[in-house]
C-alpha atoms as a PDB file:
ATOM      1  CA  VAL A   1      41.364   6.728  -7.911  1.00  0.00           C
ATOM      2  CA  GLY A   2      41.338   5.105  -4.548  1.00  0.00           C
ATOM      3  CA  PRO A   3      39.158   4.698  -1.393  1.00  0.00           C
ATOM      4  CA  ALA A   4      39.816   8.187  -0.317  1.00  0.00           C
ATOM      5  CA  THR A   5      39.233   9.902  -3.788  1.00  0.00           C
ATOM      6  CA  ASP A   6      36.291  12.366  -3.810  1.00  0.00           C
ATOM      7  CA  VAL A   7      34.110  11.391  -6.799  1.00  0.00           C
ATOM      8  CA  VAL A   8      31.514  14.088  -7.628  1.00  0.00           C
ATOM      9  CA  ALA A   9      28.753  13.304 -10.108  1.00  0.00           C
ATOM     10  CA  VAL A  10      27.708  15.928 -12.507  1.00  0.00           C
ATOM     11  CA  HIS A  11      25.248  16.481 -15.319  1.00  0.00           C
ATOM     12  CA  LEU A  12      22.562  14.330 -13.647  1.00  0.00           C
ATOM     13  CA  ASP A  13      19.288  14.407 -15.535  1.00  0.00           C
ATOM     14  CA  HIS A  14      15.746  14.773 -14.116  1.00  0.00           C
ATOM     15  CA  ASP A  15      15.118  10.946 -14.162  1.00  0.00           C
ATOM     16  CA  VAL A  16      17.312  10.233 -11.198  1.00  0.00           C
ATOM     17  CA  PRO A  17      15.749   9.162  -7.840  1.00  0.00           C
ATOM     18  CA  GLN A  18      14.534  11.921  -5.666  1.00  0.00           C
ATOM     19  CA  ALA A  19      14.976  12.819  -1.985  1.00  0.00           C
ATOM     20  CA  ALA A  20      17.445  10.711   0.070  1.00  0.00           C
ATOM     21  CA  GLU A  21      17.460   7.844  -2.437  1.00  0.00           C
ATOM     22  CA  LEU A  22      19.820   9.701  -4.831  1.00  0.00           C
ATOM     23  CA  PRO A  23      22.616  10.289  -2.323  1.00  0.00           C
ATOM     24  CA  ARG A  24      22.251   6.735  -1.098  1.00  0.00           C
ATOM     25  CA  ARG A  25      22.494   5.351  -4.569  1.00  0.00           C
ATOM     26  CA  LEU A  26      25.542   7.437  -5.497  1.00  0.00           C
ATOM     27  CA  ALA A  27      27.107   6.410  -2.214  1.00  0.00           C
ATOM     28  CA  ALA A  28      26.834   2.722  -3.213  1.00  0.00           C
ATOM     29  CA  ALA A  29      28.701   3.727  -6.347  1.00  0.00           C
ATOM     30  CA  GLY A  30      31.324   5.597  -4.368  1.00  0.00           C
ATOM     31  CA  ALA A  31      30.258   9.024  -5.456  1.00  0.00           C
ATOM     32  CA  ARG A  32      28.234  12.057  -4.362  1.00  0.00           C
ATOM     33  CA  ALA A  33      26.338  14.919  -5.993  1.00  0.00           C
ATOM     34  CA  VAL A  34      26.288  18.676  -5.018  1.00  0.00           C
ATOM     35  CA  PRO A  35      24.124  21.532  -5.843  1.00  0.00           C
ATOM     36  CA  ASP A  36      25.039  23.774  -8.905  1.00  0.00           C
ATOM     37  CA  GLY A  37      27.463  26.422  -8.085  1.00  0.00           C
ATOM     38  CA  VAL A  38      29.025  24.870  -5.064  1.00  0.00           C
ATOM     39  CA  THR A  39      32.783  25.366  -4.613  1.00  0.00           C
ATOM     40  CA  LEU A  40      34.585  22.115  -3.840  1.00  0.00           C
ATOM     41  CA  ALA A  41      37.241  22.097  -1.334  1.00  0.00           C
ATOM     42  CA  VAL A  42      40.162  19.542  -2.079  1.00  0.00           C
ATOM     43  CA  GLY A  43      40.477  17.255   0.907  1.00  0.00           C
ATOM     44  CA  ALA A  44      37.125  18.041   2.567  1.00  0.00           C
ATOM     45  CA  TYR A  45      35.288  15.209   3.974  1.00  0.00           C
ATOM     46  CA  ASP A  46      31.595  14.907   3.102  1.00  0.00           C
ATOM     47  CA  GLU A  47      29.710  12.151   5.095  1.00  0.00           C
ATOM     48  CA  VAL A  48      27.562   9.962   2.760  1.00  0.00           C
ATOM     49  CA  PRO A  49      24.772   7.508   3.735  1.00  0.00           C
ATOM     50  CA  ASP A  50      25.661   3.970   4.241  1.00  0.00           C
ATOM     51  CA  VAL A  51      24.226   1.092   2.184  1.00  0.00           C
ATOM     52  CA  PRO A  52      21.449  -0.308   4.253  1.00  0.00           C
ATOM     53  CA  ARG A  53      22.567  -3.568   5.785  1.00  0.00           C
ATOM     54  CA  ARG A  54      19.421  -5.413   4.796  1.00  0.00           C
ATOM     55  CA  THR A  55      17.335  -4.524   1.816  1.00  0.00           C
ATOM     56  CA  LEU A  56      14.154  -6.146   0.356  1.00  0.00           C
ATOM     57  CA  VAL A  57      13.386  -5.269  -3.317  1.00  0.00           C
ATOM     58  CA  LEU A  58       9.795  -6.181  -4.376  1.00  0.00           C
ATOM     59  CA  GLY A  59       8.220  -6.000  -7.772  1.00  0.00           C
ATOM     60  CA  GLY A  60       6.199  -7.665 -10.317  1.00  0.00           C
ATOM     61  CA  ALA A  61       7.320  -9.568 -13.495  1.00  0.00           C
ATOM     62  CA  ARG A  62       9.894  -7.670 -15.711  1.00  0.00           C
ATOM     63  CA  SER A  63       9.518  -4.654 -13.288  1.00  0.00           C
ATOM     64  CA  GLY A  64      13.283  -4.320 -13.173  1.00  0.00           C
ATOM     65  CA  LYS A  65      13.521  -5.546  -9.538  1.00  0.00           C
ATOM     66  CA  SER A  66      16.610  -7.732 -10.208  1.00  0.00           C
ATOM     67  CA  VAL A  67      18.509  -4.956 -11.962  1.00  0.00           C
ATOM     68  CA  GLU A  68      17.607  -2.610  -9.084  1.00  0.00           C
ATOM     69  CA  ALA A  69      18.855  -5.071  -6.539  1.00  0.00           C
ATOM     70  CA  GLU A  70      22.150  -5.541  -8.393  1.00  0.00           C
ATOM     71  CA  ARG A  71      22.577  -1.809  -8.752  1.00  0.00           C
ATOM     72  CA  ARG A  72      22.578  -1.413  -4.980  1.00  0.00           C
ATOM     73  CA  LEU A  73      25.722  -3.662  -4.719  1.00  0.00           C
ATOM     74  CA  GLU A  74      27.573  -2.725  -7.926  1.00  0.00           C
ATOM     75  CA  SER A  75      30.425  -0.871  -6.161  1.00  0.00           C
ATOM     76  CA  PHE A  76      31.223  -4.014  -4.066  1.00  0.00           C
ATOM     77  CA  PRO A  77      33.964  -6.166  -5.958  1.00  0.00           C
ATOM     78  CA  ASP A  78      33.123  -9.187  -4.011  1.00  0.00           C
ATOM     79  CA  VAL A  79      29.360 -10.324  -3.807  1.00  0.00           C
ATOM     80  CA  VAL A  80      27.787 -13.676  -3.423  1.00  0.00           C
ATOM     81  CA  TYR A  81      24.775 -14.005  -5.671  1.00  0.00           C
ATOM     82  CA  ALA A  82      22.435 -16.711  -4.277  1.00  0.00           C
ATOM     83  CA  ALA A  83      20.406 -17.812  -7.240  1.00  0.00           C
ATOM     84  CA  THR A  84      17.478 -19.859  -5.905  1.00  0.00           C
ATOM     85  CA  GLY A  85      16.044 -20.860  -9.451  1.00  0.00           C
ATOM     86  CA  GLY A  86      18.538 -23.634 -10.189  1.00  0.00           C
ATOM     87  CA  THR A  87      18.331 -25.286 -13.638  1.00  0.00           C
ATOM     88  CA  ARG A  88      15.491 -26.843 -15.553  1.00  0.00           C
ATOM     89  CA  ALA A  89      16.420 -29.495 -17.896  1.00  0.00           C
ATOM     90  CA  GLY A  90      15.103 -28.930 -21.436  1.00  0.00           C
ATOM     91  CA  ASP A  91      13.639 -25.515 -20.718  1.00  0.00           C
ATOM     92  CA  ARG A  92      15.542 -23.373 -23.180  1.00  0.00           C
ATOM     93  CA  GLU A  93      13.565 -20.078 -22.300  1.00  0.00           C
ATOM     94  CA  TRP A  94      14.552 -20.569 -18.602  1.00  0.00           C
ATOM     95  CA  ALA A  95      18.209 -21.131 -19.556  1.00  0.00           C
ATOM     96  CA  ASP A  96      18.199 -17.936 -21.601  1.00  0.00           C
ATOM     97  CA  ARG A  97      16.850 -16.035 -18.507  1.00  0.00           C
ATOM     98  CA  VAL A  98      19.586 -17.507 -16.276  1.00  0.00           C
ATOM     99  CA  ALA A  99      22.173 -16.591 -18.893  1.00  0.00           C
ATOM    100  CA  ALA A 100      20.962 -12.974 -19.216  1.00  0.00           C
ATOM    101  CA  HIS A 101      21.259 -12.519 -15.330  1.00  0.00           C
ATOM    102  CA  ARG A 102      24.742 -14.067 -15.327  1.00  0.00           C
ATOM    103  CA  GLU A 103      25.993 -11.824 -18.114  1.00  0.00           C
ATOM    104  CA  ARG A 104      24.731  -8.771 -16.274  1.00  0.00           C
ATOM    105  CA  ARG A 105      26.675  -9.373 -13.141  1.00  0.00           C
ATOM    106  CA  PRO A 106      30.369  -8.199 -12.520  1.00  0.00           C
ATOM    107  CA  GLY A 107      32.760 -10.962 -13.240  1.00  0.00           C
ATOM    108  CA  SER A 108      34.203 -10.808  -9.681  1.00  0.00           C
ATOM    109  CA  TRP A 109      30.806 -11.777  -8.194  1.00  0.00           C
ATOM    110  CA  ARG A 110      30.463 -15.521  -7.153  1.00  0.00           C
ATOM    111  CA  THR A 111      27.243 -17.408  -7.920  1.00  0.00           C
ATOM    112  CA  ALA A 112      25.794 -19.949  -5.527  1.00  0.00           C
ATOM    113  CA  GLU A 113      22.931 -21.807  -7.048  1.00  0.00           C
ATOM    114  CA  THR A 114      21.150 -22.897  -3.902  1.00  0.00           C
ATOM    115  CA  THR A 115      17.866 -22.555  -1.806  1.00  0.00           C
ATOM    116  CA  ASP A 116      19.828 -23.246   1.408  1.00  0.00           C
ATOM    117  CA  LEU A 117      20.025 -19.584   2.470  1.00  0.00           C
ATOM    118  CA  VAL A 118      20.445 -19.948   6.229  1.00  0.00           C
ATOM    119  CA  PRO A 119      24.008 -21.108   6.192  1.00  0.00           C
ATOM    120  CA  LEU A 120      24.911 -18.309   3.829  1.00  0.00           C
ATOM    121  CA  LEU A 121      23.231 -15.814   6.141  1.00  0.00           C
ATOM    122  CA  ALA A 122      24.992 -17.112   9.145  1.00  0.00           C
ATOM    123  CA  GLU A 123      28.351 -16.806   7.636  1.00  0.00           C
ATOM    124  CA  ASP A 124      30.461 -13.626   7.931  1.00  0.00           C
ATOM    125  CA  GLY A 125      31.516 -12.494   4.413  1.00  0.00           C
ATOM    126  CA  PRO A 126      31.036 -10.200   1.409  1.00  0.00           C
ATOM    127  CA  PRO A 127      27.547  -8.832   0.714  1.00  0.00           C
ATOM    128  CA  LEU A 128      24.802 -11.449  -0.274  1.00  0.00           C
ATOM    129  CA  LEU A 129      22.230 -10.899  -3.008  1.00  0.00           C
ATOM    130  CA  ILE A 130      19.349 -13.343  -2.960  1.00  0.00           C
ATOM    131  CA  ASP A 131      17.389 -13.670  -6.242  1.00  0.00           C
ATOM    132  CA  CYS A 132      14.711 -14.530  -5.387  1.00  0.00           C
ATOM    133  CA  LEU A 133      12.623 -15.323  -2.355  1.00  0.00           C
ATOM    134  CA  SER A 134       9.541 -16.507  -4.475  1.00  0.00           C
ATOM    135  CA  LEU A 135      11.561 -19.323  -5.948  1.00  0.00           C
ATOM    136  CA  TRP A 136      12.873 -20.238  -2.456  1.00  0.00           C
ATOM    137  CA  LEU A 137       9.316 -20.331  -1.257  1.00  0.00           C
ATOM    138  CA  THR A 138       8.285 -22.638  -4.182  1.00  0.00           C
ATOM    139  CA  ASP A 139      11.217 -25.030  -3.237  1.00  0.00           C
ATOM    140  CA  VAL A 140      10.062 -25.202   0.356  1.00  0.00           C
ATOM    141  CA  MET A 141       6.387 -25.661  -0.446  1.00  0.00           C
ATOM    142  CA  ASP A 142       7.508 -28.571  -2.627  1.00  0.00           C
ATOM    143  CA  ALA A 143       9.445 -30.026   0.315  1.00  0.00           C
ATOM    144  CA  VAL A 144       6.612 -29.844   2.822  1.00  0.00           C
ATOM    145  CA  GLY A 145       3.906 -30.986   0.465  1.00  0.00           C
ATOM    146  CA  ALA A 146       2.024 -27.867   0.454  1.00  0.00           C
ATOM    147  CA  TRP A 147       0.280 -28.512  -2.817  1.00  0.00           C
ATOM    148  CA  ASP A 148      -1.619 -31.404  -1.418  1.00  0.00           C
ATOM    149  CA  ASP A 149      -4.516 -30.526   0.988  1.00  0.00           C
ATOM    150  CA  ALA A 150      -4.071 -33.595   3.061  1.00  0.00           C
ATOM    151  CA  GLN A 151      -0.257 -33.009   3.550  1.00  0.00           C
ATOM    152  CA  TRP A 152      -0.824 -29.296   4.202  1.00  0.00           C
ATOM    153  CA  ALA A 153      -3.317 -30.027   6.984  1.00  0.00           C
ATOM    154  CA  ASP A 154      -1.187 -32.990   8.348  1.00  0.00           C
ATOM    155  CA  GLY A 155       1.954 -30.880   9.286  1.00  0.00           C
ATOM    156  CA  GLY A 156       2.784 -29.123   6.037  1.00  0.00           C
ATOM    157  CA  GLU A 157       1.723 -25.826   7.079  1.00  0.00           C
ATOM    158  CA  LYS A 158       3.509 -25.918  10.320  1.00  0.00           C
ATOM    159  CA  ALA A 159       6.677 -27.192   8.531  1.00  0.00           C
ATOM    160  CA  LEU A 160       6.409 -24.143   6.214  1.00  0.00           C
ATOM    161  CA  ARG A 161       5.895 -21.691   9.038  1.00  0.00           C
ATOM    162  CA  ASP A 162       8.946 -23.157  10.788  1.00  0.00           C
ATOM    163  CA  ARG A 163      11.119 -22.723   7.649  1.00  0.00           C
ATOM    164  CA  VAL A 164      10.025 -19.055   7.099  1.00  0.00           C
ATOM    165  CA  HIS A 165      10.582 -18.312  10.782  1.00  0.00           C
ATOM    166  CA  GLU A 166      14.192 -19.912  10.527  1.00  0.00           C
ATOM    167  CA  LEU A 167      14.879 -17.756   7.376  1.00  0.00           C
ATOM    168  CA  THR A 168      13.677 -14.432   8.958  1.00  0.00           C
ATOM    169  CA  ARG A 169      15.605 -15.204  12.226  1.00  0.00           C
ATOM    170  CA  ALA A 170      18.797 -15.751  10.055  1.00  0.00           C
ATOM    171  CA  VAL A 171      18.150 -12.307   8.234  1.00  0.00           C
ATOM    172  CA  ARG A 172      17.830 -10.696  11.695  1.00  0.00           C
ATOM    173  CA  GLU A 173      21.007 -12.042  12.974  1.00  0.00           C
ATOM    174  CA  THR A 174      23.155 -12.073   9.828  1.00  0.00           C
ATOM    175  CA  PRO A 175      26.556 -10.158   9.894  1.00  0.00           C
ATOM    176  CA  ARG A 176      26.437  -9.590   6.221  1.00  0.00           C
ATOM    177  CA  THR A 177      25.096  -6.844   3.963  1.00  0.00           C
ATOM    178  CA  VAL A 178      21.947  -8.429   2.287  1.00  0.00           C
ATOM    179  CA  VAL A 179      19.948  -7.432  -0.615  1.00  0.00           C
ATOM    180  CA  ALA A 180      16.933  -9.801  -1.410  1.00  0.00           C
ATOM    181  CA  VAL A 181      14.553  -9.830  -4.408  1.00  0.00           C
ATOM    182  CA  SER A 182      10.949 -11.084  -4.250  1.00  0.00           C
ATOM    183  CA  ASN A 183       7.884 -10.936  -6.357  1.00  0.00           C
ATOM    184  CA  GLU A 184       4.838  -8.996  -5.465  1.00  0.00           C
ATOM    185  CA  VAL A 185       1.852 -11.099  -6.718  1.00  0.00           C
ATOM    186  CA  GLY A 186      -0.949 -10.037  -4.411  1.00  0.00           C
ATOM    187  CA  SER A 187      -2.227  -7.309  -6.630  1.00  0.00           C
ATOM    188  CA  GLY A 188      -3.005  -9.519  -9.668  1.00  0.00           C
ATOM    189  CA  ILE A 189      -5.782 -11.826 -10.686  1.00  0.00           C
ATOM    190  CA  VAL A 190      -6.936 -14.261  -7.944  1.00  0.00           C
ATOM    191  CA  PRO A 191      -5.626 -17.702  -8.844  1.00  0.00           C
ATOM    192  CA  ALA A 192      -8.179 -20.156 -10.012  1.00  0.00           C
ATOM    193  CA  THR A 193      -6.748 -23.107  -8.077  1.00  0.00           C
ATOM    194  CA  PRO A 194      -6.503 -23.641  -4.275  1.00  0.00           C
ATOM    195  CA  SER A 195      -2.744 -24.321  -4.716  1.00  0.00           C
ATOM    196  CA  GLY A 196      -2.334 -21.077  -6.526  1.00  0.00           C
ATOM    197  CA  ARG A 197      -4.146 -19.127  -3.794  1.00  0.00           C
ATOM    198  CA  ARG A 198      -2.085 -20.905  -1.162  1.00  0.00           C
ATOM    199  CA  TYR A 199       1.114 -19.872  -2.886  1.00  0.00           C
ATOM    200  CA  ARG A 200      -0.002 -16.245  -3.386  1.00  0.00           C
ATOM    201  CA  ASP A 201      -0.991 -16.029   0.350  1.00  0.00           C
ATOM    202  CA  GLU A 202       2.210 -17.658   1.582  1.00  0.00           C
ATOM    203  CA  LEU A 203       4.275 -15.342  -0.669  1.00  0.00           C
ATOM    204  CA  GLY A 204       2.615 -12.330   0.935  1.00  0.00           C
ATOM    205  CA  ARG A 205       3.302 -13.614   4.335  1.00  0.00           C
ATOM    206  CA  LEU A 206       6.925 -14.311   3.526  1.00  0.00           C
ATOM    207  CA  ASN A 207       7.459 -10.891   2.009  1.00  0.00           C
ATOM    208  CA  THR A 208       5.862  -9.318   5.180  1.00  0.00           C
ATOM    209  CA  ALA A 209       7.978 -11.235   7.523  1.00  0.00           C
ATOM    210  CA  PHE A 210      11.202 -10.664   5.703  1.00  0.00           C
ATOM    211  CA  ALA A 211      10.465  -6.890   5.164  1.00  0.00           C
ATOM    212  CA  SER A 212       9.959  -6.537   8.976  1.00  0.00           C
ATOM    213  CA  GLU A 213      13.794  -7.463   9.372  1.00  0.00           C
ATOM    214  CA  CYS A 214      15.082  -5.042   6.769  1.00  0.00           C
ATOM    215  CA  GLU A 215      16.153  -1.350   7.105  1.00  0.00           C
ATOM    216  CA  GLN A 216      15.041  -0.649   3.613  1.00  0.00           C
ATOM    217  CA  VAL A 217      12.216  -2.028   1.573  1.00  0.00           C
ATOM    218  CA  VAL A 218      11.794  -0.911  -2.135  1.00  0.00           C
ATOM    219  CA  LEU A 219       8.934  -1.582  -4.574  1.00  0.00           C
ATOM    220  CA  VAL A 220       9.886  -1.435  -8.293  1.00  0.00           C
ATOM    221  CA  VAL A 221       7.173  -0.700 -10.612  1.00  0.00           C
ATOM    222  CA  ALA A 222       7.656  -0.235 -14.395  1.00  0.00           C
ATOM    223  CA  GLY A 223      11.452   0.290 -13.675  1.00  0.00           C
ATOM    224  CA  GLN A 224      10.843   2.928 -11.055  1.00  0.00           C
ATOM    225  CA  ALA A 225      12.000   2.223  -7.453  1.00  0.00           C
ATOM    226  CA  LEU A 226       9.680   3.433  -4.838  1.00  0.00           C
ATOM    227  CA  VAL A 227      11.223   3.351  -1.351  1.00  0.00           C
ATOM    228  CA  LEU A 228       8.679   2.073   1.152  1.00  0.00           C
ATOM    229  CA  ARG A 229      11.042   2.146   4.121  1.00  0.00           C
ATOM    230  CA  GLY A 230      14.446   3.522   4.772  1.00  0.00           C
END
């Protein structure tokens, strides 16, 4: 089996994605599907949809958004996985989460534990998977003092806006294929604290700005991927 091998998927069940999403997902895995009864011609070329160059995958907690993002790049042997969560000393539950993510990834993928995403986006290289933007935002809000009302009013808000603008500009200009994951928290309970409401609002703004630079935007609900754009 090589790059020119025609791989045809058969015996697909009724739980597969519908419309254009099934051919796109199969193409990402190097395969295609055909209607029942079709006669296959050896050597015939069938155009398949390209993997979108920039994709944003949104979803709530445990919705399957990270699995969906990884699935979209599973046929690429070389992927840079930008993990923005870092490590948390003494937090065993967080360590277990990180370990589960690592075990799920192909062994050939390279992990970069960083929130410094702009240089990665500026580089030419293999596909970049960012997981996730919500943790990136937490780090940036820490850096600009967004949790303190006085610091927020005295330049913190502007500093955050500048960082988000820098990130979205880097996404617009990146030469790489990018799949990014982010949480969708705006549909839940209104946070009880001003800082919680500030984070919710800023994450909504970040998701909106990032999505505007993407060819495809996907919302994952209960493990089901709903294509919002693309």
